[in-house]
Amino acid sequence: MAKGDPKKPKGKMCVYAFFVQMCREEHKKNPEVPVNFAEFSTKCSERWKNISRKRKSKFDQMAKAYKVRYDQEMKDYGPAKGGKKKKDPKAPKRLPSGFLLFCSEFHPKIKSTHFGISIRDVAKKLGEMWNNLSDSEKQPYINKAVKLKYEKDVTDYKSRGKFDGAKGPAKVAREEEEEDRYYI
């Protein structure tokens, strides 16, 4: 389900997902056996590889019926009719976190030292680098992110006309009023 919309239909399920669901139901019948997710996944995978085509077709039919139901529910679901919700072009951009500031600094360095590296591998490497930093090494990036947020908040505050500092909108308006008084 979508995070904020309980009315949105549940996502599609593939053939294998129906098989795993059946395995889970079988496992629930024996609750005293503890569940180790890695072992459970491996066993399901092995069982799936050895299952007959006839038995797989049963799960295939379940998936097809589920897809038909899902597609119908999505047609009836409001926001999906127009495709993805469009982002408001006037909405403010999200400010970068300390991690994103770190990434923007080190991304070009990684790309230049590892020619031809995939985006995924760059992201992995950046994540590893960030995780290997001590808290004190991360702090400058975090502080910069906080400073950017503060500056943005101040700019937003000033733009609403509630700020009386240097040349905020309220002061400019007052100065214009004073100038008008002299010319009348």
N, C-alpha and C. Protein backbone atom coordinates (compact mmCIF):
# COMPACT_ATOMS: atom_id res chain seq x y z
N MET A 1 0.83 -1.18 0.00
CA MET A 1 0.00 0.00 0.00
C MET A 1 0.87 1.24 0.00
N ALA A 2 0.32 2.28 -0.51
CA ALA A 2 1.03 3.54 -0.50
C ALA A 2 1.14 4.03 0.94
N LYS A 3 2.19 4.79 1.20
CA LYS A 3 2.41 5.28 2.56
C LYS A 3 1.23 6.06 3.08
N GLY A 4 0.77 7.03 2.33
CA GLY A 4 -0.23 7.93 2.86
C GLY A 4 -1.65 7.64 2.40
N ASP A 5 -1.85 6.67 1.53
CA ASP A 5 -3.19 6.46 0.99
C ASP A 5 -3.65 5.02 1.23
N PRO A 6 -4.49 4.81 2.24
CA PRO A 6 -4.96 3.45 2.52
C PRO A 6 -5.91 2.91 1.47
N LYS A 7 -6.44 3.78 0.61
CA LYS A 7 -7.37 3.34 -0.43
C LYS A 7 -6.67 2.78 -1.66
N LYS A 8 -5.37 3.05 -1.80
CA LYS A 8 -4.66 2.59 -2.99
C LYS A 8 -4.57 1.07 -2.98
N PRO A 9 -4.84 0.42 -4.11
CA PRO A 9 -4.78 -1.05 -4.18
C PRO A 9 -3.38 -1.56 -3.87
N LYS A 10 -3.33 -2.75 -3.30
CA LYS A 10 -2.04 -3.38 -3.02
C LYS A 10 -1.34 -3.66 -4.34
N GLY A 11 -0.02 -3.65 -4.30
CA GLY A 11 0.80 -3.84 -5.50
C GLY A 11 0.63 -5.20 -6.14
N LYS A 12 1.16 -5.32 -7.35
CA LYS A 12 1.07 -6.58 -8.09
C LYS A 12 1.91 -7.65 -7.40
N MET A 13 1.51 -8.89 -7.63
CA MET A 13 2.28 -10.02 -7.10
C MET A 13 2.63 -10.93 -8.27
N CYS A 14 3.89 -11.34 -8.29
CA CYS A 14 4.34 -12.23 -9.36
C CYS A 14 4.03 -13.69 -8.98
N VAL A 15 4.25 -14.59 -9.92
CA VAL A 15 3.98 -16.01 -9.73
C VAL A 15 4.74 -16.54 -8.51
N TYR A 16 6.02 -16.19 -8.43
CA TYR A 16 6.87 -16.68 -7.34
C TYR A 16 6.38 -16.15 -5.98
N ALA A 17 5.85 -14.93 -5.96
CA ALA A 17 5.35 -14.35 -4.71
C ALA A 17 4.18 -15.18 -4.18
N PHE A 18 3.33 -15.68 -5.05
CA PHE A 18 2.23 -16.54 -4.61
C PHE A 18 2.76 -17.84 -4.03
N PHE A 19 3.81 -18.37 -4.65
CA PHE A 19 4.43 -19.59 -4.15
C PHE A 19 5.01 -19.37 -2.75
N VAL A 20 5.73 -18.26 -2.58
CA VAL A 20 6.34 -17.95 -1.28
C VAL A 20 5.25 -17.74 -0.23
N GLN A 21 4.16 -17.12 -0.63
CA GLN A 21 3.03 -16.91 0.29
C GLN A 21 2.50 -18.27 0.76
N MET A 22 2.39 -19.23 -0.16
CA MET A 22 1.93 -20.56 0.21
C MET A 22 2.93 -21.21 1.18
N CYS A 23 4.23 -21.05 0.90
CA CYS A 23 5.25 -21.60 1.80
C CYS A 23 5.14 -20.99 3.19
N ARG A 24 4.88 -19.71 3.25
CA ARG A 24 4.74 -19.00 4.52
C ARG A 24 3.55 -19.55 5.30
N GLU A 25 2.44 -19.79 4.58
CA GLU A 25 1.25 -20.34 5.23
C GLU A 25 1.54 -21.73 5.79
N GLU A 26 2.29 -22.53 5.03
CA GLU A 26 2.66 -23.87 5.50
C GLU A 26 3.52 -23.76 6.75
N HIS A 27 4.44 -22.80 6.74
CA HIS A 27 5.36 -22.63 7.87
C HIS A 27 4.61 -22.17 9.13
N LYS A 28 3.56 -21.37 8.95
CA LYS A 28 2.78 -20.88 10.09
C LYS A 28 2.06 -22.01 10.82
N LYS A 29 1.82 -23.11 10.11
CA LYS A 29 1.14 -24.25 10.73
C LYS A 29 2.00 -24.90 11.80
N ASN A 30 3.31 -24.64 11.77
CA ASN A 30 4.24 -25.21 12.73
C ASN A 30 4.94 -24.05 13.45
N PRO A 31 4.24 -23.33 14.36
CA PRO A 31 4.76 -22.10 14.95
C PRO A 31 5.96 -22.30 15.89
N GLU A 32 6.18 -23.51 16.39
CA GLU A 32 7.30 -23.69 17.32
C GLU A 32 8.67 -23.68 16.62
N VAL A 33 8.68 -23.83 15.32
CA VAL A 33 9.94 -23.78 14.57
C VAL A 33 10.27 -22.31 14.29
N PRO A 34 11.44 -21.84 14.77
CA PRO A 34 11.79 -20.43 14.53
C PRO A 34 12.06 -20.17 13.05
N VAL A 35 11.80 -18.92 12.63
CA VAL A 35 11.97 -18.55 11.23
C VAL A 35 13.30 -17.81 11.05
N ASN A 36 14.13 -18.36 10.20
CA ASN A 36 15.35 -17.67 9.79
C ASN A 36 15.10 -17.26 8.35
N PHE A 37 15.00 -15.96 8.10
CA PHE A 37 14.59 -15.47 6.79
C PHE A 37 15.51 -15.98 5.67
N ALA A 38 16.82 -15.98 5.89
CA ALA A 38 17.75 -16.42 4.86
C ALA A 38 17.53 -17.89 4.51
N GLU A 39 17.37 -18.71 5.54
CA GLU A 39 17.13 -20.14 5.31
C GLU A 39 15.78 -20.36 4.62
N PHE A 40 14.77 -19.64 5.11
CA PHE A 40 13.44 -19.75 4.53
C PHE A 40 13.47 -19.41 3.05
N SER A 41 14.14 -18.32 2.69
CA SER A 41 14.23 -17.89 1.29
C SER A 41 14.96 -18.92 0.44
N THR A 42 16.04 -19.46 0.99
CA THR A 42 16.81 -20.47 0.25
C THR A 42 15.97 -21.72 0.02
N LYS A 43 15.26 -22.16 1.04
CA LYS A 43 14.41 -23.36 0.90
C LYS A 43 13.29 -23.13 -0.11
N CYS A 44 12.68 -21.94 -0.05
CA CYS A 44 11.62 -21.62 -1.02
C CYS A 44 12.17 -21.65 -2.44
N SER A 45 13.33 -21.08 -2.61
CA SER A 45 13.96 -21.03 -3.94
C SER A 45 14.25 -22.44 -4.46
N GLU A 46 14.78 -23.29 -3.59
CA GLU A 46 15.07 -24.67 -3.99
C GLU A 46 13.79 -25.42 -4.34
N ARG A 47 12.75 -25.23 -3.53
CA ARG A 47 11.48 -25.88 -3.81
C ARG A 47 10.90 -25.41 -5.14
N TRP A 48 11.01 -24.09 -5.40
CA TRP A 48 10.48 -23.52 -6.64
C TRP A 48 11.18 -24.12 -7.86
N LYS A 49 12.48 -24.33 -7.77
CA LYS A 49 13.25 -24.88 -8.89
C LYS A 49 12.82 -26.31 -9.19
N ASN A 50 12.41 -27.03 -8.17
CA ASN A 50 12.07 -28.45 -8.34
C ASN A 50 10.58 -28.73 -8.50
N ILE A 51 9.77 -27.70 -8.51
CA ILE A 51 8.33 -27.89 -8.61
C ILE A 51 7.94 -28.22 -10.06
N SER A 52 6.89 -29.02 -10.23
CA SER A 52 6.46 -29.41 -11.58
C SER A 52 5.80 -28.24 -12.31
N ARG A 53 5.80 -28.34 -13.64
CA ARG A 53 5.18 -27.28 -14.45
C ARG A 53 3.68 -27.17 -14.14
N LYS A 54 3.06 -28.31 -13.92
CA LYS A 54 1.63 -28.32 -13.64
C LYS A 54 1.34 -27.54 -12.35
N ARG A 55 2.16 -27.76 -11.35
CA ARG A 55 1.98 -27.05 -10.07
C ARG A 55 2.29 -25.56 -10.24
N LYS A 56 3.33 -25.24 -11.03
CA LYS A 56 3.67 -23.83 -11.27
C LYS A 56 2.53 -23.12 -11.99
N SER A 57 1.83 -23.85 -12.87
CA SER A 57 0.74 -23.22 -13.62
C SER A 57 -0.39 -22.78 -12.68
N LYS A 58 -0.56 -23.48 -11.56
CA LYS A 58 -1.56 -23.10 -10.57
C LYS A 58 -1.23 -21.70 -10.02
N PHE A 59 0.04 -21.47 -9.71
CA PHE A 59 0.47 -20.17 -9.19
C PHE A 59 0.42 -19.10 -10.29
N ASP A 60 0.68 -19.53 -11.51
CA ASP A 60 0.60 -18.61 -12.65
C ASP A 60 -0.83 -18.11 -12.82
N GLN A 61 -1.80 -19.01 -12.70
CA GLN A 61 -3.21 -18.62 -12.82
C GLN A 61 -3.61 -17.66 -11.69
N MET A 62 -3.10 -17.94 -10.49
CA MET A 62 -3.39 -17.05 -9.36
C MET A 62 -2.84 -15.65 -9.63
N ALA A 63 -1.64 -15.56 -10.16
CA ALA A 63 -1.00 -14.27 -10.44
C ALA A 63 -1.76 -13.52 -11.54
N LYS A 64 -2.21 -14.26 -12.56
CA LYS A 64 -2.97 -13.61 -13.65
C LYS A 64 -4.29 -13.05 -13.13
N ALA A 65 -4.99 -13.83 -12.31
CA ALA A 65 -6.26 -13.37 -11.74
C ALA A 65 -6.03 -12.16 -10.84
N TYR A 66 -4.96 -12.19 -10.09
CA TYR A 66 -4.62 -11.07 -9.20
C TYR A 66 -4.32 -9.82 -10.01
N LYS A 67 -3.60 -9.99 -11.13
CA LYS A 67 -3.25 -8.86 -11.99
C LYS A 67 -4.51 -8.23 -12.59
N VAL A 68 -5.46 -9.05 -13.02
CA VAL A 68 -6.72 -8.53 -13.57
C VAL A 68 -7.43 -7.70 -12.50
N ARG A 69 -7.53 -8.25 -11.29
CA ARG A 69 -8.17 -7.53 -10.19
C ARG A 69 -7.43 -6.23 -9.89
N TYR A 70 -6.10 -6.30 -9.83
CA TYR A 70 -5.29 -5.12 -9.53
C TYR A 70 -5.46 -4.04 -10.60
N ASP A 71 -5.40 -4.44 -11.86
CA ASP A 71 -5.55 -3.47 -12.95
C ASP A 71 -6.92 -2.79 -12.88
N GLN A 72 -7.96 -3.56 -12.56
CA GLN A 72 -9.31 -2.98 -12.46
C GLN A 72 -9.36 -2.00 -11.29
N GLU A 73 -8.80 -2.38 -10.16
CA GLU A 73 -8.81 -1.50 -9.00
C GLU A 73 -8.02 -0.22 -9.28
N MET A 74 -6.93 -0.33 -10.02
CA MET A 74 -6.12 0.85 -10.34
C MET A 74 -6.88 1.78 -11.28
N LYS A 75 -7.70 1.21 -12.18
CA LYS A 75 -8.52 2.05 -13.06
C LYS A 75 -9.52 2.85 -12.23
N ASP A 76 -10.07 2.22 -11.21
CA ASP A 76 -11.07 2.87 -10.37
C ASP A 76 -10.45 3.80 -9.34
N TYR A 77 -9.15 3.64 -9.11
CA TYR A 77 -8.46 4.45 -8.11
C TYR A 77 -8.19 5.84 -8.67
N GLY A 78 -8.61 6.87 -7.98
CA GLY A 78 -8.54 8.25 -8.45
C GLY A 78 -7.21 8.74 -8.97
N PRO A 79 -6.18 8.88 -8.14
CA PRO A 79 -4.93 9.50 -8.57
C PRO A 79 -4.24 8.78 -9.72
N ALA A 80 -4.48 7.47 -9.88
CA ALA A 80 -3.79 6.73 -10.92
C ALA A 80 -4.31 7.04 -12.32
N LYS A 81 -5.52 7.62 -12.42
CA LYS A 81 -6.11 7.87 -13.73
C LYS A 81 -5.26 8.79 -14.58
N GLY A 82 -4.68 9.81 -13.97
CA GLY A 82 -3.85 10.75 -14.72
C GLY A 82 -2.39 10.35 -14.72
N GLY A 83 -2.07 9.16 -14.32
CA GLY A 83 -0.68 8.75 -14.23
C GLY A 83 -0.11 9.19 -12.90
N LYS A 84 1.20 9.40 -12.87
CA LYS A 84 1.84 9.83 -11.64
C LYS A 84 1.40 11.24 -11.29
N LYS A 85 1.33 11.50 -9.99
CA LYS A 85 1.02 12.85 -9.55
C LYS A 85 2.16 13.75 -9.97
N LYS A 86 1.81 14.90 -10.53
CA LYS A 86 2.84 15.83 -10.96
C LYS A 86 3.27 16.67 -9.77
N LYS A 87 4.56 16.93 -9.72
CA LYS A 87 5.11 17.75 -8.66
C LYS A 87 4.77 19.21 -8.93
N ASP A 88 4.42 19.91 -7.91
CA ASP A 88 4.13 21.33 -8.02
C ASP A 88 5.42 22.06 -8.38
N PRO A 89 5.46 22.75 -9.52
CA PRO A 89 6.70 23.43 -9.91
C PRO A 89 7.09 24.56 -8.96
N LYS A 90 6.12 25.05 -8.19
CA LYS A 90 6.41 26.11 -7.23
C LYS A 90 6.88 25.58 -5.89
N ALA A 91 6.81 24.26 -5.71
CA ALA A 91 7.21 23.67 -4.44
C ALA A 91 8.71 23.87 -4.24
N PRO A 92 9.11 24.15 -3.00
CA PRO A 92 10.54 24.36 -2.75
C PRO A 92 11.32 23.07 -2.91
N LYS A 93 12.57 23.21 -3.30
CA LYS A 93 13.42 22.03 -3.43
C LYS A 93 13.80 21.56 -2.04
N ARG A 94 13.95 20.28 -1.93
CA ARG A 94 14.37 19.70 -0.66
C ARG A 94 15.85 19.99 -0.48
N LEU A 95 16.22 20.40 0.70
CA LEU A 95 17.61 20.74 0.96
C LEU A 95 18.43 19.46 1.15
N PRO A 96 19.69 19.50 0.76
CA PRO A 96 20.52 18.29 0.88
C PRO A 96 20.89 18.00 2.33
N SER A 97 21.04 16.73 2.61
CA SER A 97 21.49 16.30 3.94
C SER A 97 23.01 16.35 3.96
N GLY A 98 23.59 16.10 5.11
CA GLY A 98 25.05 16.05 5.22
C GLY A 98 25.62 14.99 4.30
N PHE A 99 24.93 13.86 4.23
CA PHE A 99 25.39 12.77 3.36
C PHE A 99 25.39 13.20 1.89
N LEU A 100 24.34 13.89 1.46
CA LEU A 100 24.28 14.32 0.06
C LEU A 100 25.35 15.36 -0.26
N LEU A 101 25.67 16.22 0.70
CA LEU A 101 26.75 17.19 0.49
C LEU A 101 28.08 16.46 0.36
N PHE A 102 28.27 15.43 1.19
CA PHE A 102 29.47 14.59 1.11
C PHE A 102 29.55 13.94 -0.27
N CYS A 103 28.43 13.39 -0.73
CA CYS A 103 28.38 12.72 -2.04
C CYS A 103 28.72 13.69 -3.18
N SER A 104 28.18 14.91 -3.10
CA SER A 104 28.44 15.86 -4.18
C SER A 104 29.91 16.23 -4.23
N GLU A 105 30.59 16.16 -3.11
CA GLU A 105 32.02 16.47 -3.09
C GLU A 105 32.86 15.31 -3.62
N PHE A 106 32.51 14.09 -3.24
CA PHE A 106 33.35 12.95 -3.57
C PHE A 106 32.93 12.20 -4.83
N HIS A 107 31.73 12.42 -5.34
CA HIS A 107 31.28 11.75 -6.55
C HIS A 107 32.24 11.96 -7.72
N PRO A 108 32.62 13.21 -8.03
CA PRO A 108 33.54 13.42 -9.17
C PRO A 108 34.89 12.75 -8.94
N LYS A 109 35.36 12.71 -7.71
CA LYS A 109 36.65 12.10 -7.41
C LYS A 109 36.61 10.59 -7.67
N ILE A 110 35.51 9.96 -7.29
CA ILE A 110 35.37 8.52 -7.52
C ILE A 110 35.27 8.24 -9.01
N LYS A 111 34.46 9.03 -9.72
CA LYS A 111 34.30 8.84 -11.17
C LYS A 111 35.63 9.00 -11.89
N SER A 112 36.47 9.94 -11.45
CA SER A 112 37.74 10.19 -12.15
C SER A 112 38.78 9.11 -11.83
N THR A 113 38.73 8.54 -10.63
CA THR A 113 39.72 7.51 -10.28
C THR A 113 39.29 6.11 -10.70
N HIS A 114 38.00 5.91 -10.91
CA HIS A 114 37.49 4.59 -11.32
C HIS A 114 36.74 4.76 -12.65
N PHE A 115 37.46 4.86 -13.73
CA PHE A 115 36.86 5.11 -15.04
C PHE A 115 35.89 3.98 -15.41
N GLY A 116 34.71 4.35 -15.88
CA GLY A 116 33.73 3.38 -16.34
C GLY A 116 32.92 2.73 -15.24
N ILE A 117 33.05 3.20 -14.01
CA ILE A 117 32.31 2.61 -12.89
C ILE A 117 30.82 2.96 -13.03
N SER A 118 29.97 2.01 -12.68
CA SER A 118 28.52 2.23 -12.82
C SER A 118 28.02 3.17 -11.72
N ILE A 119 26.86 3.75 -11.96
CA ILE A 119 26.26 4.66 -10.98
C ILE A 119 26.00 3.91 -9.68
N ARG A 120 25.54 2.69 -9.82
CA ARG A 120 25.26 1.87 -8.64
C ARG A 120 26.51 1.65 -7.80
N ASP A 121 27.63 1.35 -8.47
CA ASP A 121 28.88 1.11 -7.75
C ASP A 121 29.41 2.40 -7.12
N VAL A 122 29.20 3.53 -7.80
CA VAL A 122 29.60 4.81 -7.22
C VAL A 122 28.81 5.04 -5.94
N ALA A 123 27.50 4.80 -6.00
CA ALA A 123 26.65 5.00 -4.83
C ALA A 123 27.07 4.08 -3.68
N LYS A 124 27.39 2.83 -4.00
CA LYS A 124 27.85 1.89 -2.98
C LYS A 124 29.13 2.40 -2.32
N LYS A 125 30.06 2.82 -3.17
CA LYS A 125 31.34 3.31 -2.67
C LYS A 125 31.15 4.54 -1.79
N LEU A 126 30.29 5.45 -2.21
CA LEU A 126 30.02 6.65 -1.41
C LEU A 126 29.41 6.27 -0.06
N GLY A 127 28.48 5.33 -0.08
CA GLY A 127 27.86 4.86 1.16
C GLY A 127 28.88 4.25 2.10
N GLU A 128 29.76 3.43 1.54
CA GLU A 128 30.81 2.81 2.36
C GLU A 128 31.73 3.88 2.95
N MET A 129 32.12 4.85 2.11
CA MET A 129 33.00 5.91 2.58
C MET A 129 32.34 6.68 3.73
N TRP A 130 31.06 7.03 3.56
CA TRP A 130 30.34 7.77 4.59
C TRP A 130 30.26 6.97 5.88
N ASN A 131 29.94 5.68 5.76
CA ASN A 131 29.82 4.83 6.94
C ASN A 131 31.15 4.64 7.66
N ASN A 132 32.26 4.76 6.94
CA ASN A 132 33.58 4.59 7.55
C ASN A 132 34.09 5.88 8.20
N LEU A 133 33.40 6.98 7.98
CA LEU A 133 33.81 8.24 8.61
C LEU A 133 33.42 8.23 10.09
N SER A 134 34.22 8.88 10.89
CA SER A 134 33.86 9.05 12.29
C SER A 134 32.84 10.17 12.38
N ASP A 135 32.20 10.27 13.53
CA ASP A 135 31.21 11.33 13.72
C ASP A 135 31.84 12.71 13.54
N SER A 136 33.07 12.87 14.01
CA SER A 136 33.72 14.18 13.89
C SER A 136 34.06 14.50 12.43
N GLU A 137 34.31 13.47 11.62
CA GLU A 137 34.58 13.70 10.19
C GLU A 137 33.29 14.02 9.43
N LYS A 138 32.17 13.49 9.90
CA LYS A 138 30.88 13.76 9.27
C LYS A 138 30.35 15.15 9.64
N GLN A 139 30.76 15.65 10.79
CA GLN A 139 30.18 16.86 11.35
C GLN A 139 30.24 18.07 10.42
N PRO A 140 31.35 18.34 9.69
CA PRO A 140 31.36 19.51 8.80
C PRO A 140 30.25 19.46 7.74
N TYR A 141 29.96 18.28 7.22
CA TYR A 141 28.91 18.13 6.21
C TYR A 141 27.53 18.35 6.84
N ILE A 142 27.36 17.81 8.03
CA ILE A 142 26.09 17.97 8.73
C ILE A 142 25.88 19.44 9.08
N ASN A 143 26.95 20.10 9.56
CA ASN A 143 26.85 21.53 9.89
C ASN A 143 26.50 22.35 8.67
N LYS A 144 27.10 22.02 7.54
CA LYS A 144 26.81 22.77 6.31
C LYS A 144 25.34 22.59 5.90
N ALA A 145 24.82 21.37 6.05
CA ALA A 145 23.42 21.11 5.72
C ALA A 145 22.50 21.91 6.64
N VAL A 146 22.84 21.96 7.93
CA VAL A 146 22.05 22.73 8.89
C VAL A 146 22.09 24.21 8.52
N LYS A 147 23.27 24.70 8.15
CA LYS A 147 23.42 26.10 7.77
C LYS A 147 22.58 26.43 6.54
N LEU A 148 22.59 25.53 5.54
CA LEU A 148 21.78 25.74 4.34
C LEU A 148 20.30 25.80 4.70
N LYS A 149 19.88 24.91 5.59
CA LYS A 149 18.48 24.90 6.01
C LYS A 149 18.14 26.20 6.72
N TYR A 150 19.03 26.66 7.58
CA TYR A 150 18.79 27.90 8.31
C TYR A 150 18.68 29.07 7.33
N GLU A 151 19.61 29.14 6.38
CA GLU A 151 19.58 30.23 5.40
C GLU A 151 18.29 30.19 4.59
N LYS A 152 17.84 29.00 4.23
CA LYS A 152 16.59 28.87 3.49
C LYS A 152 15.41 29.33 4.33
N ASP A 153 15.42 28.93 5.61
CA ASP A 153 14.34 29.35 6.50
C ASP A 153 14.31 30.87 6.65
N VAL A 154 15.48 31.49 6.77
CA VAL A 154 15.55 32.94 6.90
C VAL A 154 15.05 33.60 5.62
N THR A 155 15.45 33.07 4.47
CA THR A 155 15.00 33.62 3.19
C THR A 155 13.49 33.52 3.07
N ASP A 156 12.95 32.37 3.44
CA ASP A 156 11.49 32.19 3.40
C ASP A 156 10.80 33.17 4.34
N TYR A 157 11.38 33.34 5.51
CA TYR A 157 10.81 34.24 6.50
C TYR A 157 10.81 35.68 5.98
N LYS A 158 11.93 36.07 5.40
CA LYS A 158 12.03 37.43 4.85
C LYS A 158 11.04 37.63 3.71
N SER A 159 10.88 36.64 2.87
CA SER A 159 10.01 36.78 1.70
C SER A 159 8.53 36.89 2.09
N ARG A 160 8.19 36.47 3.30
CA ARG A 160 6.80 36.60 3.74
C ARG A 160 6.50 38.01 4.24
N GLY A 161 7.54 38.88 4.28
CA GLY A 161 7.33 40.27 4.66
C GLY A 161 7.26 40.51 6.14
N LYS A 162 7.68 39.55 6.94
CA LYS A 162 7.61 39.72 8.39
C LYS A 162 8.96 40.12 8.97
N PHE A 163 9.91 40.35 8.12
CA PHE A 163 11.26 40.65 8.58
C PHE A 163 11.53 42.13 8.43
N ASP A 164 12.09 42.75 9.45
CA ASP A 164 12.33 44.18 9.43
C ASP A 164 13.81 44.50 9.29
N GLY A 165 14.62 43.53 9.01
CA GLY A 165 16.07 43.73 8.93
C GLY A 165 16.48 44.44 7.68
N ALA A 166 17.77 44.52 7.46
CA ALA A 166 18.45 45.29 6.41
C ALA A 166 17.56 45.83 5.30
N LYS A 167 17.22 45.04 4.34
CA LYS A 167 16.38 45.49 3.22
C LYS A 167 15.30 44.46 2.94
N GLY A 168 14.68 43.94 4.01
CA GLY A 168 13.59 42.99 3.83
C GLY A 168 12.39 43.66 3.19
N PRO A 169 11.44 42.94 2.68
CA PRO A 169 10.27 43.50 2.00
C PRO A 169 9.51 44.54 2.83
N ALA A 170 9.39 44.31 4.15
CA ALA A 170 8.64 45.25 4.98
C ALA A 170 9.33 46.61 5.01
N LYS A 171 10.67 46.61 5.13
CA LYS A 171 11.41 47.87 5.19
C LYS A 171 11.36 48.59 3.85
N VAL A 172 11.49 47.86 2.77
CA VAL A 172 11.42 48.46 1.43
C VAL A 172 10.07 49.13 1.25
N ALA A 173 8.99 48.44 1.68
CA ALA A 173 7.64 49.00 1.54
C ALA A 173 7.51 50.29 2.34
N ARG A 174 8.05 50.30 3.58
CA ARG A 174 7.99 51.50 4.40
C ARG A 174 8.75 52.66 3.76
N GLU A 175 9.93 52.38 3.20
CA GLU A 175 10.73 53.42 2.55
C GLU A 175 9.98 54.02 1.37
N GLU A 176 9.28 53.15 0.60
CA GLU A 176 8.51 53.64 -0.54
C GLU A 176 7.37 54.55 -0.08
N GLU A 177 6.73 54.17 1.06
CA GLU A 177 5.66 55.00 1.60
C GLU A 177 6.20 56.38 1.99
N GLU A 178 7.38 56.39 2.64
CA GLU A 178 7.99 57.65 3.06
C GLU A 178 8.32 58.52 1.85
N GLU A 179 8.84 57.90 0.78
CA GLU A 179 9.17 58.65 -0.44
C GLU A 179 7.91 59.26 -1.04
N ASP A 180 6.81 58.49 -1.03
CA ASP A 180 5.55 58.98 -1.57
C ASP A 180 5.06 60.20 -0.80
N ARG A 181 5.28 60.22 0.51
CA ARG A 181 4.84 61.34 1.34
C ARG A 181 5.52 62.65 0.91
N TYR A 182 6.78 62.55 0.53
CA TYR A 182 7.52 63.77 0.16
C TYR A 182 7.05 64.33 -1.18
N TYR A 183 6.55 63.45 -2.03
CA TYR A 183 6.15 63.91 -3.37
C TYR A 183 4.70 64.38 -3.43
N ILE A 184 3.94 64.17 -2.41
CA ILE A 184 2.51 64.52 -2.45
C ILE A 184 2.30 65.97 -2.09
